Amino acid sequence: MKTPPVVSQQEWETARQQLLAKEKEVTRAHDALAAERRRMPWLAVEKTYAFDGPLGKASLLDLFEGRRQLVIYRAFFEPGVLGWPDHACHGCSLMADQVAHPVHLSTRDTTFAYASRAPQPDIARLKQRMGWIMPWYTITDEWDKDFGVDEYHGTNAFFRDGDRVFRTYFLNNRGDEALGSTWSYLDMTALGRQETWEDSPDGYPQTPPYNWWNWHDEYDHPELAQGPMKGWT
């Protein structure tokens, strides 16, 4: 392997500053893309979908758990997929391992969930084995086909206005693989991080950065501070 040259401290710092300038350009471009994403038109979800959950039947609306936003990752854990019945596919499992604690999303009015075609007993068994805590539902109809995740993994973002549900964004392929942090999921939602520095449409909820950050077991909401929320196992 031919490695880069070894240089002095000053030369190394000069090279770092040059690269840092480019990295800041990428960060600003990422923020601009997220701002544009918050202004994308929405697609109304007109069909009714049914899922199985640990508490029984659930509609797409139920998956919001009363919050305004919902982010769903379609994981491949089902008969016919490599790893069944002991594991989900390698890629979906790796992504599940890198998902940040969902409680941070919950306090920004956003519910995070997984969905597969495996029965609930198998999902519960897998979650316990792997230490995963996100809500995980069983797809029972054409939801995966209708939202572009019947043949390959992907992450959909939805918004709830009363009883109406809208699809606001979708990521797959390498864009989907980069997800996992609280920020990456919030950046793909209609409301974004909901912090005052963001370029968002007038009237969008925003609070100062840092002020809402907390330990995941000490948020003000009782249902969050106590650990597992509705549907969690």
C-alpha atoms as a PDB file:
ATOM      1  CA  MET A   1       0.000   0.000   0.000  1.00  0.00           C
ATOM      2  CA  LYS A   2       1.430   3.369  -1.022  1.00  0.00           C
ATOM      3  CA  THR A   3       0.706   5.748   1.837  1.00  0.00           C
ATOM      4  CA  PRO A   4       0.662   9.587   1.772  1.00  0.00           C
ATOM      5  CA  PRO A   5       3.882  11.435   2.633  1.00  0.00           C
ATOM      6  CA  VAL A   6       4.906  12.102   6.225  1.00  0.00           C
ATOM      7  CA  VAL A   7       5.236  15.868   6.771  1.00  0.00           C
ATOM      8  CA  SER A   8       5.970  18.430   9.481  1.00  0.00           C
ATOM      9  CA  GLN A   9       3.349  19.699  11.948  1.00  0.00           C
ATOM     10  CA  GLN A  10       2.984  22.973  10.012  1.00  0.00           C
ATOM     11  CA  GLU A  11       2.565  21.216   6.666  1.00  0.00           C
ATOM     12  CA  TRP A  12       0.040  18.802   8.194  1.00  0.00           C
ATOM     13  CA  GLU A  13      -1.988  21.700   9.657  1.00  0.00           C
ATOM     14  CA  THR A  14      -1.924  23.543   6.325  1.00  0.00           C
ATOM     15  CA  ALA A  15      -3.234  20.454   4.545  1.00  0.00           C
ATOM     16  CA  ARG A  16      -5.910  20.012   7.206  1.00  0.00           C
ATOM     17  CA  GLN A  17      -7.109  23.629   6.901  1.00  0.00           C
ATOM     18  CA  GLN A  18      -7.367  23.262   3.124  1.00  0.00           C
ATOM     19  CA  LEU A  19      -9.488  20.167   3.493  1.00  0.00           C
ATOM     20  CA  LEU A  20     -11.515  21.723   6.317  1.00  0.00           C
ATOM     21  CA  ALA A  21     -12.579  24.566   4.024  1.00  0.00           C
ATOM     22  CA  LYS A  22     -13.974  22.009   1.587  1.00  0.00           C
ATOM     23  CA  GLU A  23     -15.664  20.096   4.396  1.00  0.00           C
ATOM     24  CA  LYS A  24     -17.410  23.286   5.543  1.00  0.00           C
ATOM     25  CA  GLU A  25     -18.674  23.795   2.004  1.00  0.00           C
ATOM     26  CA  VAL A  26     -20.160  20.318   2.097  1.00  0.00           C
ATOM     27  CA  THR A  27     -21.785  21.028   5.483  1.00  0.00           C
ATOM     28  CA  ARG A  28     -23.350  24.243   4.186  1.00  0.00           C
ATOM     29  CA  ALA A  29     -24.563  22.419   1.079  1.00  0.00           C
ATOM     30  CA  HIS A  30     -26.083  19.721   3.284  1.00  0.00           C
ATOM     31  CA  ASP A  31     -27.915  22.369   5.338  1.00  0.00           C
ATOM     32  CA  ALA A  32     -29.185  24.001   2.147  1.00  0.00           C
ATOM     33  CA  LEU A  33     -30.465  20.665   0.848  1.00  0.00           C
ATOM     34  CA  ALA A  34     -32.263  20.019   4.135  1.00  0.00           C
ATOM     35  CA  ALA A  35     -33.858  23.478   3.907  1.00  0.00           C
ATOM     36  CA  GLU A  36     -35.021  22.686   0.379  1.00  0.00           C
ATOM     37  CA  ARG A  37     -36.341  19.330   1.562  1.00  0.00           C
ATOM     38  CA  ARG A  38     -38.494  21.130   4.158  1.00  0.00           C
ATOM     39  CA  ARG A  39     -40.126  22.998   1.284  1.00  0.00           C
ATOM     40  CA  MET A  40     -40.845  19.950  -0.852  1.00  0.00           C
ATOM     41  CA  PRO A  41     -44.509  19.316  -1.698  1.00  0.00           C
ATOM     42  CA  TRP A  42     -46.267  16.580   0.229  1.00  0.00           C
ATOM     43  CA  LEU A  43     -48.052  13.512  -1.092  1.00  0.00           C
ATOM     44  CA  ALA A  44     -51.341  12.620   0.603  1.00  0.00           C
ATOM     45  CA  VAL A  45     -51.640   8.986   1.693  1.00  0.00           C
ATOM     46  CA  GLU A  46     -55.155   8.056   0.618  1.00  0.00           C
ATOM     47  CA  LYS A  47     -55.074   4.294   1.207  1.00  0.00           C
ATOM     48  CA  THR A  48     -55.569   2.571   4.543  1.00  0.00           C
ATOM     49  CA  TYR A  49     -52.724   0.277   5.623  1.00  0.00           C
ATOM     50  CA  ALA A  50     -52.632  -2.383   8.315  1.00  0.00           C
ATOM     51  CA  PHE A  51     -49.686  -3.573  10.391  1.00  0.00           C
ATOM     52  CA  ASP A  52     -49.257  -6.088  13.171  1.00  0.00           C
ATOM     53  CA  GLY A  53     -47.540  -4.805  16.287  1.00  0.00           C
ATOM     54  CA  PRO A  54     -46.735  -6.104  19.754  1.00  0.00           C
ATOM     55  CA  LEU A  55     -50.076  -4.719  20.929  1.00  0.00           C
ATOM     56  CA  GLY A  56     -52.086  -6.069  17.997  1.00  0.00           C
ATOM     57  CA  LYS A  57     -53.380  -4.513  14.779  1.00  0.00           C
ATOM     58  CA  ALA A  58     -52.235  -0.998  13.945  1.00  0.00           C
ATOM     59  CA  SER A  59     -52.897   1.449  11.141  1.00  0.00           C
ATOM     60  CA  LEU A  60     -50.278   3.717   9.590  1.00  0.00           C
ATOM     61  CA  LEU A  61     -51.801   6.508  11.660  1.00  0.00           C
ATOM     62  CA  ASP A  62     -51.338   4.450  14.833  1.00  0.00           C
ATOM     63  CA  LEU A  63     -47.614   4.132  14.114  1.00  0.00           C
ATOM     64  CA  PHE A  64     -47.200   7.881  14.767  1.00  0.00           C
ATOM     65  CA  GLU A  65     -48.038   7.217  18.447  1.00  0.00           C
ATOM     66  CA  GLY A  66     -49.667  10.637  18.586  1.00  0.00           C
ATOM     67  CA  ARG A  67     -46.661  12.543  17.263  1.00  0.00           C
ATOM     68  CA  ARG A  68     -46.636  14.683  14.133  1.00  0.00           C
ATOM     69  CA  GLN A  69     -43.874  12.897  12.266  1.00  0.00           C
ATOM     70  CA  LEU A  70     -43.029   9.282  11.511  1.00  0.00           C
ATOM     71  CA  VAL A  71     -39.847   7.803  10.045  1.00  0.00           C
ATOM     72  CA  ILE A  72     -40.056   4.143   8.959  1.00  0.00           C
ATOM     73  CA  TYR A  73     -37.184   1.964   7.837  1.00  0.00           C
ATOM     74  CA  ARG A  74     -38.142  -1.129   5.841  1.00  0.00           C
ATOM     75  CA  ALA A  75     -35.898  -3.942   7.059  1.00  0.00           C
ATOM     76  CA  PHE A  76     -35.656  -7.326   5.361  1.00  0.00           C
ATOM     77  CA  PHE A  77     -36.394  -9.919   8.014  1.00  0.00           C
ATOM     78  CA  GLU A  78     -38.708 -12.602   6.692  1.00  0.00           C
ATOM     79  CA  PRO A  79     -38.716 -16.055   5.061  1.00  0.00           C
ATOM     80  CA  GLY A  80     -36.526 -16.189   1.982  1.00  0.00           C
ATOM     81  CA  VAL A  81     -34.073 -13.547   3.216  1.00  0.00           C
ATOM     82  CA  LEU A  82     -30.502 -14.487   4.138  1.00  0.00           C
ATOM     83  CA  GLY A  83     -30.258 -15.077   7.872  1.00  0.00           C
ATOM     84  CA  TRP A  84     -33.859 -16.150   8.421  1.00  0.00           C
ATOM     85  CA  PRO A  85     -35.046 -17.033  11.011  1.00  0.00           C
ATOM     86  CA  ASP A  86     -32.096 -16.183  13.264  1.00  0.00           C
ATOM     87  CA  HIS A  87     -31.193 -12.841  11.742  1.00  0.00           C
ATOM     88  CA  ALA A  88     -32.359 -10.046   9.477  1.00  0.00           C
ATOM     89  CA  CYS A  89     -30.215  -9.421   6.402  1.00  0.00           C
ATOM     90  CA  HIS A  90     -26.641  -8.269   7.003  1.00  0.00           C
ATOM     91  CA  GLY A  91     -27.194  -4.701   5.771  1.00  0.00           C
ATOM     92  CA  CYS A  92     -30.448  -4.108   7.645  1.00  0.00           C
ATOM     93  CA  SER A  93     -28.879  -5.510  10.805  1.00  0.00           C
ATOM     94  CA  LEU A  94     -25.839  -3.271  10.483  1.00  0.00           C
ATOM     95  CA  MET A  95     -28.123  -0.267  10.066  1.00  0.00           C
ATOM     96  CA  ALA A  96     -30.163  -1.272  13.110  1.00  0.00           C
ATOM     97  CA  ASP A  97     -26.941  -1.390  15.138  1.00  0.00           C
ATOM     98  CA  GLN A  98     -26.128   2.220  14.240  1.00  0.00           C
ATOM     99  CA  VAL A  99     -29.550   3.721  15.045  1.00  0.00           C
ATOM    100  CA  ALA A 100     -29.298   6.265  17.858  1.00  0.00           C
ATOM    101  CA  HIS A 101     -31.658   6.004  20.817  1.00  0.00           C
ATOM    102  CA  PRO A 102     -35.102   6.864  19.331  1.00  0.00           C
ATOM    103  CA  VAL A 103     -36.145   8.848  22.408  1.00  0.00           C
ATOM    104  CA  HIS A 104     -34.236  11.868  21.065  1.00  0.00           C
ATOM    105  CA  LEU A 105     -36.415  11.809  17.953  1.00  0.00           C
ATOM    106  CA  SER A 106     -39.523  11.358  20.084  1.00  0.00           C
ATOM    107  CA  THR A 107     -38.883  14.578  21.967  1.00  0.00           C
ATOM    108  CA  ARG A 108     -38.820  16.359  18.583  1.00  0.00           C
ATOM    109  CA  ASP A 109     -42.348  15.090  17.867  1.00  0.00           C
ATOM    110  CA  THR A 110     -40.994  12.310  15.632  1.00  0.00           C
ATOM    111  CA  THR A 111     -41.582   8.570  15.985  1.00  0.00           C
ATOM    112  CA  PHE A 112     -39.057   6.123  14.562  1.00  0.00           C
ATOM    113  CA  ALA A 113     -39.976   2.555  13.623  1.00  0.00           C
ATOM    114  CA  TYR A 114     -38.889  -0.496  11.643  1.00  0.00           C
ATOM    115  CA  ALA A 115     -41.182  -2.596   9.451  1.00  0.00           C
ATOM    116  CA  SER A 116     -40.718  -6.085   7.998  1.00  0.00           C
ATOM    117  CA  ARG A 117     -42.863  -9.022   6.910  1.00  0.00           C
ATOM    118  CA  ALA A 118     -41.720 -11.312   9.718  1.00  0.00           C
ATOM    119  CA  PRO A 119     -44.369 -12.265  12.312  1.00  0.00           C
ATOM    120  CA  GLN A 120     -44.284 -10.420  15.626  1.00  0.00           C
ATOM    121  CA  PRO A 121     -42.975 -13.355  17.707  1.00  0.00           C
ATOM    122  CA  ASP A 122     -39.932 -13.581  15.417  1.00  0.00           C
ATOM    123  CA  ILE A 123     -39.391  -9.814  15.567  1.00  0.00           C
ATOM    124  CA  ALA A 124     -39.587  -9.826  19.371  1.00  0.00           C
ATOM    125  CA  ARG A 125     -37.105 -12.687  19.541  1.00  0.00           C
ATOM    126  CA  LEU A 126     -34.672 -10.933  17.176  1.00  0.00           C
ATOM    127  CA  LYS A 127     -34.894  -7.622  19.027  1.00  0.00           C
ATOM    128  CA  GLN A 128     -34.127  -9.312  22.326  1.00  0.00           C
ATOM    129  CA  ARG A 129     -31.172 -11.188  20.840  1.00  0.00           C
ATOM    130  CA  MET A 130     -29.670  -8.120  19.184  1.00  0.00           C
ATOM    131  CA  GLY A 131     -30.530  -5.519  21.843  1.00  0.00           C
ATOM    132  CA  TRP A 132     -32.638  -3.345  19.519  1.00  0.00           C
ATOM    133  CA  ILE A 133     -35.353  -1.177  21.095  1.00  0.00           C
ATOM    134  CA  MET A 134     -37.062   0.620  18.211  1.00  0.00           C
ATOM    135  CA  PRO A 135     -40.737  -0.204  17.544  1.00  0.00           C
ATOM    136  CA  TRP A 136     -40.869  -2.884  14.831  1.00  0.00           C
ATOM    137  CA  TYR A 137     -44.054  -3.706  12.940  1.00  0.00           C
ATOM    138  CA  THR A 138     -45.164  -6.468  10.598  1.00  0.00           C
ATOM    139  CA  ILE A 139     -46.265  -5.425   7.105  1.00  0.00           C
ATOM    140  CA  THR A 140     -49.506  -7.207   6.160  1.00  0.00           C
ATOM    141  CA  ASP A 141     -50.517  -5.561   2.887  1.00  0.00           C
ATOM    142  CA  GLU A 142     -49.028  -3.579  -0.020  1.00  0.00           C
ATOM    143  CA  TRP A 143     -47.526  -0.804   2.084  1.00  0.00           C
ATOM    144  CA  ASP A 144     -43.975  -1.807   1.121  1.00  0.00           C
ATOM    145  CA  LYS A 145     -44.771  -1.923  -2.595  1.00  0.00           C
ATOM    146  CA  ASP A 146     -46.612   1.396  -2.529  1.00  0.00           C
ATOM    147  CA  PHE A 147     -43.697   3.157  -0.849  1.00  0.00           C
ATOM    148  CA  GLY A 148     -40.827   1.740  -2.862  1.00  0.00           C
ATOM    149  CA  VAL A 149     -39.445  -0.762  -0.368  1.00  0.00           C
ATOM    150  CA  ASP A 150     -40.818  -4.120  -1.492  1.00  0.00           C
ATOM    151  CA  GLU A 151     -37.562  -5.224  -3.143  1.00  0.00           C
ATOM    152  CA  TYR A 152     -34.906  -3.137  -1.404  1.00  0.00           C
ATOM    153  CA  HIS A 153     -34.483  -1.321   1.885  1.00  0.00           C
ATOM    154  CA  GLY A 154     -35.454   2.331   2.227  1.00  0.00           C
ATOM    155  CA  THR A 155     -36.580   4.969   4.724  1.00  0.00           C
ATOM    156  CA  ASN A 156     -39.831   6.908   4.362  1.00  0.00           C
ATOM    157  CA  ALA A 157     -40.803  10.068   6.244  1.00  0.00           C
ATOM    158  CA  PHE A 158     -44.443  10.946   6.951  1.00  0.00           C
ATOM    159  CA  PHE A 159     -46.314  13.858   8.534  1.00  0.00           C
ATOM    160  CA  ARG A 160     -49.619  13.718  10.383  1.00  0.00           C
ATOM    161  CA  ASP A 161     -52.129  16.566  10.333  1.00  0.00           C
ATOM    162  CA  GLY A 162     -54.972  15.384  12.524  1.00  0.00           C
ATOM    163  CA  ASP A 163     -56.104  12.131  10.920  1.00  0.00           C
ATOM    164  CA  ARG A 164     -54.529  12.930   7.556  1.00  0.00           C
ATOM    165  CA  VAL A 165     -51.165  11.411   6.661  1.00  0.00           C
ATOM    166  CA  PHE A 166     -48.702  12.743   4.084  1.00  0.00           C
ATOM    167  CA  ARG A 167     -45.525  11.261   2.640  1.00  0.00           C
ATOM    168  CA  THR A 168     -42.868  13.970   2.813  1.00  0.00           C
ATOM    169  CA  TYR A 169     -39.601  12.286   1.783  1.00  0.00           C
ATOM    170  CA  PHE A 170     -37.863   9.025   0.887  1.00  0.00           C
ATOM    171  CA  LEU A 171     -34.248   7.842   0.986  1.00  0.00           C
ATOM    172  CA  ASN A 172     -32.699   4.602  -0.257  1.00  0.00           C
ATOM    173  CA  ASN A 173     -29.429   3.197  -1.583  1.00  0.00           C
ATOM    174  CA  ARG A 174     -26.379   5.069  -0.259  1.00  0.00           C
ATOM    175  CA  GLY A 175     -28.471   7.935   1.086  1.00  0.00           C
ATOM    176  CA  ASP A 176     -30.336   5.446   3.237  1.00  0.00           C
ATOM    177  CA  GLU A 177     -27.147   3.711   4.398  1.00  0.00           C
ATOM    178  CA  ALA A 178     -25.822   6.990   5.824  1.00  0.00           C
ATOM    179  CA  LEU A 179     -28.735   7.292   8.260  1.00  0.00           C
ATOM    180  CA  GLY A 180     -28.557   6.342  11.907  1.00  0.00           C
ATOM    181  CA  SER A 181     -27.894   9.481  13.920  1.00  0.00           C
ATOM    182  CA  THR A 182     -30.632  11.628  15.435  1.00  0.00           C
ATOM    183  CA  TRP A 183     -29.580  14.460  13.128  1.00  0.00           C
ATOM    184  CA  SER A 184     -29.664  12.404   9.939  1.00  0.00           C
ATOM    185  CA  TYR A 185     -33.251  11.341  10.588  1.00  0.00           C
ATOM    186  CA  LEU A 186     -34.418  14.823  11.599  1.00  0.00           C
ATOM    187  CA  ASP A 187     -32.773  16.311   8.505  1.00  0.00           C
ATOM    188  CA  MET A 188     -34.958  14.134   6.262  1.00  0.00           C
ATOM    189  CA  THR A 189     -38.203  15.133   7.972  1.00  0.00           C
ATOM    190  CA  ALA A 190     -40.571  17.932   7.027  1.00  0.00           C
ATOM    191  CA  LEU A 191     -39.845  19.868  10.230  1.00  0.00           C
ATOM    192  CA  GLY A 192     -36.087  19.286  10.315  1.00  0.00           C
ATOM    193  CA  ARG A 193     -34.142  19.631  13.546  1.00  0.00           C
ATOM    194  CA  GLN A 194     -36.557  22.355  14.687  1.00  0.00           C
ATOM    195  CA  GLU A 195     -33.725  24.604  15.865  1.00  0.00           C
ATOM    196  CA  THR A 196     -33.574  28.369  15.456  1.00  0.00           C
ATOM    197  CA  TRP A 197     -30.529  28.426  13.166  1.00  0.00           C
ATOM    198  CA  GLU A 198     -32.296  26.439  10.452  1.00  0.00           C
ATOM    199  CA  ASP A 199     -33.762  27.961   7.314  1.00  0.00           C
ATOM    200  CA  SER A 200     -37.357  26.789   7.628  1.00  0.00           C
ATOM    201  CA  PRO A 201     -40.681  28.155   6.364  1.00  0.00           C
ATOM    202  CA  ASP A 202     -42.429  30.725   8.559  1.00  0.00           C
ATOM    203  CA  GLY A 203     -44.330  29.231  11.465  1.00  0.00           C
ATOM    204  CA  TYR A 204     -42.343  25.998  11.713  1.00  0.00           C
ATOM    205  CA  PRO A 205     -41.569  24.957  15.311  1.00  0.00           C
ATOM    206  CA  GLN A 206     -38.077  25.975  16.394  1.00  0.00           C
ATOM    207  CA  THR A 207     -36.232  26.141  19.705  1.00  0.00           C
ATOM    208  CA  PRO A 208     -32.646  27.136  20.558  1.00  0.00           C
ATOM    209  CA  PRO A 209     -30.034  24.460  19.893  1.00  0.00           C
ATOM    210  CA  TYR A 210     -28.590  22.537  22.844  1.00  0.00           C
ATOM    211  CA  ASN A 211     -31.461  23.548  25.158  1.00  0.00           C
ATOM    212  CA  TRP A 212     -33.597  20.522  24.332  1.00  0.00           C
ATOM    213  CA  TRP A 213     -30.757  17.975  24.408  1.00  0.00           C
ATOM    214  CA  ASN A 214     -30.897  15.620  27.355  1.00  0.00           C
ATOM    215  CA  TRP A 215     -29.864  12.234  28.695  1.00  0.00           C
ATOM    216  CA  HIS A 216     -32.105   9.658  27.085  1.00  0.00           C
ATOM    217  CA  ASP A 217     -33.572   8.579  30.431  1.00  0.00           C
ATOM    218  CA  GLU A 218     -34.251  12.102  31.744  1.00  0.00           C
ATOM    219  CA  TYR A 219     -36.493  13.846  29.242  1.00  0.00           C
ATOM    220  CA  ASP A 220     -39.403  15.759  30.764  1.00  0.00           C
ATOM    221  CA  HIS A 221     -42.037  13.554  29.145  1.00  0.00           C
ATOM    222  CA  PRO A 222     -42.890  10.745  31.607  1.00  0.00           C
ATOM    223  CA  GLU A 223     -43.451   8.179  28.879  1.00  0.00           C
ATOM    224  CA  LEU A 224     -39.975   8.906  27.534  1.00  0.00           C
ATOM    225  CA  ALA A 225     -38.112   9.049  30.828  1.00  0.00           C
ATOM    226  CA  GLN A 226     -39.516   5.693  31.901  1.00  0.00           C
ATOM    227  CA  GLY A 227     -37.922   3.889  28.975  1.00  0.00           C
ATOM    228  CA  PRO A 228     -39.905   1.748  26.517  1.00  0.00           C
ATOM    229  CA  MET A 229     -42.834   3.562  24.982  1.00  0.00           C
ATOM    230  CA  LYS A 230     -46.043   2.194  23.546  1.00  0.00           C
ATOM    231  CA  GLY A 231     -45.226  -0.663  21.215  1.00  0.00           C
ATOM    232  CA  TRP A 232     -41.650  -1.083  22.443  1.00  0.00           C
ATOM    233  CA  THR A 233     -40.404  -4.424  23.665  1.00  0.00           C
END
